[in-house]
Amino acid sequence: MVSTKGSSSPSKQLTRAEQEVRSAAERLNSQIADALAAVAARQSPGGLDELEASPDRLERAARDLAVALRELVEERQEKDKL
């Protein structure tokens, strides 16, 4: 998993796009942790339900991160034009 803690200077205010990337990355990391927990919960009640839900949640979180990263690229390209 990728850590997002401490990756930016505390004195620098994050842009909206940077905040979105950070939030999306944290959600994806959380979904990865949940999927790993579902894999480990072999015999627990409800474990199969969690495992079955994991692929959709992971895809959604990964898609959200990809969208946020594209928005950040656009934001930085606009900033470079100035």
C-alpha atoms as a PDB file:
ATOM      1  CA  MET A   1       0.000   0.000   0.000  1.00  0.00           C
ATOM      2  CA  VAL A   2       1.044   3.550  -0.624  1.00  0.00           C
ATOM      3  CA  SER A   3       1.299   5.849   2.339  1.00  0.00           C
ATOM      4  CA  THR A   4      -0.146   9.313   1.868  1.00  0.00           C
ATOM      5  CA  LYS A   5       0.849  10.632   5.279  1.00  0.00           C
ATOM      6  CA  GLY A   6       3.505  13.310   5.432  1.00  0.00           C
ATOM      7  CA  SER A   7       3.806  13.541   1.670  1.00  0.00           C
ATOM      8  CA  SER A   8       3.366  17.295   1.542  1.00  0.00           C
ATOM      9  CA  SER A   9       4.857  20.197   3.374  1.00  0.00           C
ATOM     10  CA  PRO A  10       2.705  21.290   6.326  1.00  0.00           C
ATOM     11  CA  SER A  11       3.195  24.962   5.379  1.00  0.00           C
ATOM     12  CA  LYS A  12       1.863  24.453   1.837  1.00  0.00           C
ATOM     13  CA  GLN A  13      -1.900  24.553   1.352  1.00  0.00           C
ATOM     14  CA  LEU A  14      -3.098  21.720  -0.891  1.00  0.00           C
ATOM     15  CA  THR A  15      -5.145  22.604  -3.935  1.00  0.00           C
ATOM     16  CA  ARG A  16      -8.594  21.121  -4.397  1.00  0.00           C
ATOM     17  CA  ALA A  17      -7.233  18.633  -6.937  1.00  0.00           C
ATOM     18  CA  GLU A  18      -4.395  17.605  -4.613  1.00  0.00           C
ATOM     19  CA  GLN A  19      -6.888  17.109  -1.786  1.00  0.00           C
ATOM     20  CA  GLU A  20      -9.056  14.972  -4.070  1.00  0.00           C
ATOM     21  CA  VAL A  21      -6.065  12.800  -5.016  1.00  0.00           C
ATOM     22  CA  ARG A  22      -5.109  12.352  -1.380  1.00  0.00           C
ATOM     23  CA  SER A  23      -8.672  11.467  -0.396  1.00  0.00           C
ATOM     24  CA  ALA A  24      -9.107   9.034  -3.290  1.00  0.00           C
ATOM     25  CA  ALA A  25      -5.770   7.356  -2.512  1.00  0.00           C
ATOM     26  CA  GLU A  26      -6.758   6.958   1.123  1.00  0.00           C
ATOM     27  CA  ARG A  27     -10.096   5.413   0.103  1.00  0.00           C
ATOM     28  CA  LEU A  28      -8.313   2.987  -2.223  1.00  0.00           C
ATOM     29  CA  ASN A  29      -5.875   2.027   0.535  1.00  0.00           C
ATOM     30  CA  SER A  30      -8.827   1.432   2.847  1.00  0.00           C
ATOM     31  CA  GLN A  31     -10.550  -0.762   0.261  1.00  0.00           C
ATOM     32  CA  ILE A  32      -7.333  -2.751  -0.221  1.00  0.00           C
ATOM     33  CA  ALA A  33      -7.084  -3.309   3.532  1.00  0.00           C
ATOM     34  CA  ASP A  34     -10.742  -4.377   3.643  1.00  0.00           C
ATOM     35  CA  ALA A  35     -10.193  -6.815   0.755  1.00  0.00           C
ATOM     36  CA  LEU A  36      -7.174  -8.332   2.488  1.00  0.00           C
ATOM     37  CA  ALA A  37      -9.198  -8.700   5.686  1.00  0.00           C
ATOM     38  CA  ALA A  38     -11.980 -10.419   3.723  1.00  0.00           C
ATOM     39  CA  VAL A  39      -9.439 -12.850   2.256  1.00  0.00           C
ATOM     40  CA  ALA A  40      -8.123 -13.616   5.740  1.00  0.00           C
ATOM     41  CA  ALA A  41     -11.650 -14.171   7.112  1.00  0.00           C
ATOM     42  CA  ARG A  42     -12.024 -17.581   5.500  1.00  0.00           C
ATOM     43  CA  GLN A  43     -14.569 -19.101   7.848  1.00  0.00           C
ATOM     44  CA  SER A  44     -16.211 -16.090   9.451  1.00  0.00           C
ATOM     45  CA  PRO A  45     -19.918 -15.456   8.871  1.00  0.00           C
ATOM     46  CA  GLY A  46     -20.366 -12.777   6.242  1.00  0.00           C
ATOM     47  CA  GLY A  47     -16.807 -13.224   5.035  1.00  0.00           C
ATOM     48  CA  LEU A  48     -17.954 -14.391   1.612  1.00  0.00           C
ATOM     49  CA  ASP A  49     -20.261 -11.377   1.261  1.00  0.00           C
ATOM     50  CA  GLU A  50     -17.369  -9.021   1.999  1.00  0.00           C
ATOM     51  CA  LEU A  51     -15.128 -10.876  -0.435  1.00  0.00           C
ATOM     52  CA  GLU A  52     -17.780 -10.705  -3.167  1.00  0.00           C
ATOM     53  CA  ALA A  53     -18.203  -6.947  -2.667  1.00  0.00           C
ATOM     54  CA  SER A  54     -14.464  -6.259  -2.738  1.00  0.00           C
ATOM     55  CA  PRO A  55     -13.873  -6.240  -6.525  1.00  0.00           C
ATOM     56  CA  ASP A  56     -16.576  -3.634  -7.187  1.00  0.00           C
ATOM     57  CA  ARG A  57     -15.379  -1.451  -4.331  1.00  0.00           C
ATOM     58  CA  LEU A  58     -11.764  -1.700  -5.466  1.00  0.00           C
ATOM     59  CA  GLU A  59     -12.672  -0.850  -9.065  1.00  0.00           C
ATOM     60  CA  ARG A  60     -14.714   2.148  -7.957  1.00  0.00           C
ATOM     61  CA  ALA A  61     -11.968   3.435  -5.649  1.00  0.00           C
ATOM     62  CA  ALA A  62      -9.280   2.936  -8.320  1.00  0.00           C
ATOM     63  CA  ARG A  63     -11.441   4.728 -10.896  1.00  0.00           C
ATOM     64  CA  ASP A  64     -11.980   7.626  -8.466  1.00  0.00           C
ATOM     65  CA  LEU A  65      -8.223   7.900  -7.948  1.00  0.00           C
ATOM     66  CA  ALA A  66      -7.574   7.866 -11.701  1.00  0.00           C
ATOM     67  CA  VAL A  67     -10.125  10.655 -12.229  1.00  0.00           C
ATOM     68  CA  ALA A  68      -8.624  12.707  -9.406  1.00  0.00           C
ATOM     69  CA  LEU A  69      -5.123  12.282 -10.839  1.00  0.00           C
ATOM     70  CA  ARG A  70      -6.302  13.411 -14.285  1.00  0.00           C
ATOM     71  CA  GLU A  71      -7.877  16.492 -12.719  1.00  0.00           C
ATOM     72  CA  LEU A  72      -4.612  17.231 -10.929  1.00  0.00           C
ATOM     73  CA  VAL A  73      -2.701  16.973 -14.216  1.00  0.00           C
ATOM     74  CA  GLU A  74      -5.145  19.419 -15.818  1.00  0.00           C
ATOM     75  CA  GLU A  75      -4.836  21.782 -12.867  1.00  0.00           C
ATOM     76  CA  ARG A  76      -1.052  21.766 -13.066  1.00  0.00           C
ATOM     77  CA  GLN A  77      -1.059  22.186 -16.845  1.00  0.00           C
ATOM     78  CA  GLU A  78      -3.270  25.256 -16.448  1.00  0.00           C
ATOM     79  CA  LYS A  79      -0.976  26.602 -13.750  1.00  0.00           C
ATOM     80  CA  ASP A  80       2.074  26.085 -15.996  1.00  0.00           C
ATOM     81  CA  LYS A  81       0.401  28.133 -18.748  1.00  0.00           C
ATOM     82  CA  LEU A  82       0.243  31.195 -16.497  1.00  0.00           C
END
